[in-house]
Amino acid sequence: MAENHGFLIDHVSVLITDLARSRWFYGEVFGLKEIAKPRTFEFVVLWYDLGNQQLHLLLKDAPDARSPRHFALRVPNAQAARSYFLEQEVPVEETTPIPNCDRFFVYDPDGNRIEIIQWLEPYDPAKSGANQLDR
């Protein structure tokens, strides 16, 4: 098996079409901290700090087509997050259960799919995984 060379996710980028609307959604609804983009960037992009990773919102004329593509944000309490989003009138989409996990999806104003996930215990493929890898 190939060595992974220490790869870790650094950031995720999604397309947005309205700067103010997206700044409100990610900054106010999600409560993410906006950080300055690199001074060498001559295009419009919002950067948000996610601890040891970042979220980049790229302003474009049209959003991505809706699809199963998504990024996931881990939370300490998925039920509280679910209630919060419903209070904010952000629809919640339930999905296929994963053992020892509570998760659901929301969509940003441009239709970007976001998974909200709480691991009740670390994922153990030997205990919760399929009997074989997909081929």
Protein backbone atom coordinates (compact mmCIF):
# COMPACT_ATOMS: atom_id res chain seq x y z
CA MET A 1 0.00 0.00 0.00
CA ALA A 2 1.27 3.49 -0.84
CA GLU A 3 2.53 5.80 1.88
CA ASN A 4 0.24 8.79 2.47
CA HIS A 5 3.13 11.28 2.91
CA GLY A 6 1.29 12.93 5.80
CA PHE A 7 -1.51 14.39 3.67
CA LEU A 8 -4.13 16.34 5.63
CA ILE A 9 -6.98 18.46 4.31
CA ASP A 10 -5.89 22.11 4.36
CA HIS A 11 -8.98 23.81 2.99
CA VAL A 12 -12.22 23.36 1.07
CA SER A 13 -13.42 25.78 -1.64
CA VAL A 14 -17.01 26.28 -2.77
CA LEU A 15 -18.62 28.64 -5.26
CA ILE A 16 -20.86 31.49 -4.15
CA THR A 17 -22.80 34.09 -6.17
CA ASP A 18 -23.63 36.78 -3.58
CA LEU A 19 -20.89 38.08 -1.31
CA ALA A 20 -23.12 39.74 1.31
CA ARG A 21 -25.53 36.80 1.51
CA SER A 22 -22.69 34.28 1.89
CA ARG A 23 -20.84 36.46 4.42
CA TRP A 24 -24.05 36.57 6.47
CA PHE A 25 -24.66 32.79 6.19
CA TYR A 26 -21.15 31.63 7.05
CA GLY A 27 -20.30 34.48 9.43
CA GLU A 28 -23.60 34.95 11.25
CA VAL A 29 -25.50 31.67 10.94
CA PHE A 30 -22.42 29.42 11.23
CA GLY A 31 -20.44 31.87 13.38
CA LEU A 32 -17.20 31.33 11.44
CA LYS A 33 -14.35 33.85 11.73
CA GLU A 34 -13.52 35.58 8.46
CA ILE A 35 -9.80 36.04 7.81
CA ALA A 36 -7.95 38.10 5.21
CA LYS A 37 -7.25 36.50 1.85
CA PRO A 38 -3.66 36.59 0.54
CA ARG A 39 -2.69 40.09 -0.60
CA THR A 40 -1.60 38.65 -3.94
CA PHE A 41 -5.17 37.56 -4.81
CA GLU A 42 -6.75 39.98 -7.28
CA PHE A 43 -10.10 38.17 -7.30
CA VAL A 44 -12.99 38.12 -4.84
CA VAL A 45 -12.89 35.34 -2.27
CA LEU A 46 -13.90 35.02 1.37
CA TRP A 47 -11.68 32.97 3.66
CA TYR A 48 -12.88 31.52 6.98
CA ASP A 49 -10.82 30.01 9.77
CA LEU A 50 -11.81 26.47 10.81
CA GLY A 51 -9.04 25.85 13.33
CA ASN A 52 -6.34 23.92 11.50
CA GLN A 53 -8.25 24.14 8.20
CA GLN A 54 -9.98 26.84 6.17
CA LEU A 55 -13.09 27.36 4.08
CA HIS A 56 -12.71 29.44 0.89
CA LEU A 57 -15.77 30.96 -0.82
CA LEU A 58 -15.08 31.83 -4.45
CA LEU A 59 -17.35 34.47 -6.01
CA LYS A 60 -18.58 33.36 -9.46
CA ASP A 61 -21.44 34.27 -11.81
CA ALA A 62 -23.25 30.96 -11.31
CA PRO A 63 -23.34 28.38 -8.51
CA ASP A 64 -22.27 24.76 -8.86
CA ALA A 65 -25.03 22.38 -9.85
CA ARG A 66 -26.62 20.64 -6.86
CA SER A 67 -24.97 17.30 -6.30
CA PRO A 68 -23.96 14.87 -3.56
CA ARG A 69 -20.61 16.74 -3.27
CA HIS A 70 -20.19 18.26 0.17
CA PHE A 71 -17.86 19.15 2.96
CA ALA A 72 -18.45 18.18 6.58
CA LEU A 73 -18.18 20.24 9.75
CA ARG A 74 -17.76 18.32 13.00
CA VAL A 75 -19.78 19.53 15.98
CA PRO A 76 -19.80 18.45 19.63
CA ASN A 77 -23.62 18.10 19.69
CA ALA A 78 -25.47 17.34 16.44
CA GLN A 79 -28.89 17.49 18.10
CA ALA A 80 -28.22 21.02 19.37
CA ALA A 81 -26.90 22.00 15.92
CA ARG A 82 -30.00 20.51 14.27
CA SER A 83 -32.27 22.53 16.60
CA TYR A 84 -30.22 25.68 15.99
CA PHE A 85 -30.48 25.42 12.20
CA LEU A 86 -34.22 24.83 12.40
CA GLU A 87 -34.57 27.92 14.64
CA GLN A 88 -32.63 29.88 11.98
CA GLU A 89 -35.09 28.54 9.35
CA VAL A 90 -32.31 26.62 7.61
CA PRO A 91 -33.86 23.33 6.40
CA VAL A 92 -32.27 20.15 7.72
CA GLU A 93 -31.95 17.06 5.52
CA GLU A 94 -31.66 13.71 7.30
CA THR A 95 -29.64 11.02 5.55
CA THR A 96 -28.38 7.44 5.73
CA PRO A 97 -27.30 6.60 9.29
CA ILE A 98 -23.70 5.74 10.12
CA PRO A 99 -23.11 3.59 13.22
CA ASN A 100 -22.11 5.63 16.30
CA CYS A 101 -22.65 8.91 14.49
CA ASP A 102 -25.31 11.63 14.37
CA ARG A 103 -25.33 13.61 11.13
CA PHE A 104 -27.49 15.66 8.81
CA PHE A 105 -27.12 18.06 5.88
CA VAL A 106 -27.89 21.73 5.32
CA TYR A 107 -27.45 23.85 2.18
CA ASP A 108 -25.97 27.32 1.94
CA PRO A 109 -27.80 30.02 -0.09
CA ASP A 110 -26.04 28.85 -3.29
CA GLY A 111 -27.01 25.20 -2.80
CA ASN A 112 -23.63 24.00 -1.51
CA ARG A 113 -24.25 20.86 0.55
CA ILE A 114 -22.78 20.86 4.08
CA GLU A 115 -22.74 17.83 6.35
CA ILE A 116 -22.98 18.45 10.08
CA ILE A 117 -21.53 15.48 11.93
CA GLN A 118 -20.99 14.32 15.50
CA TRP A 119 -19.01 11.16 16.09
CA LEU A 120 -20.40 9.49 19.20
CA GLU A 121 -17.26 7.34 19.20
CA PRO A 122 -14.37 7.21 16.73
CA TYR A 123 -15.17 5.36 13.50
CA ASP A 124 -13.96 1.76 13.65
CA PRO A 125 -14.13 0.10 10.20
CA ALA A 126 -13.61 -3.32 11.80
CA LYS A 127 -16.77 -2.87 13.86
CA SER A 128 -18.96 -0.60 11.70
CA GLY A 129 -17.56 -1.03 8.19
CA ALA A 130 -18.75 -3.02 5.21
CA ASN A 131 -17.56 -6.60 4.81
CA GLN A 132 -15.52 -5.64 1.73
CA LEU A 133 -14.28 -2.56 -0.10
CA ASP A 134 -16.27 -1.36 -3.13
CA ARG A 135 -14.80 -2.55 -6.41
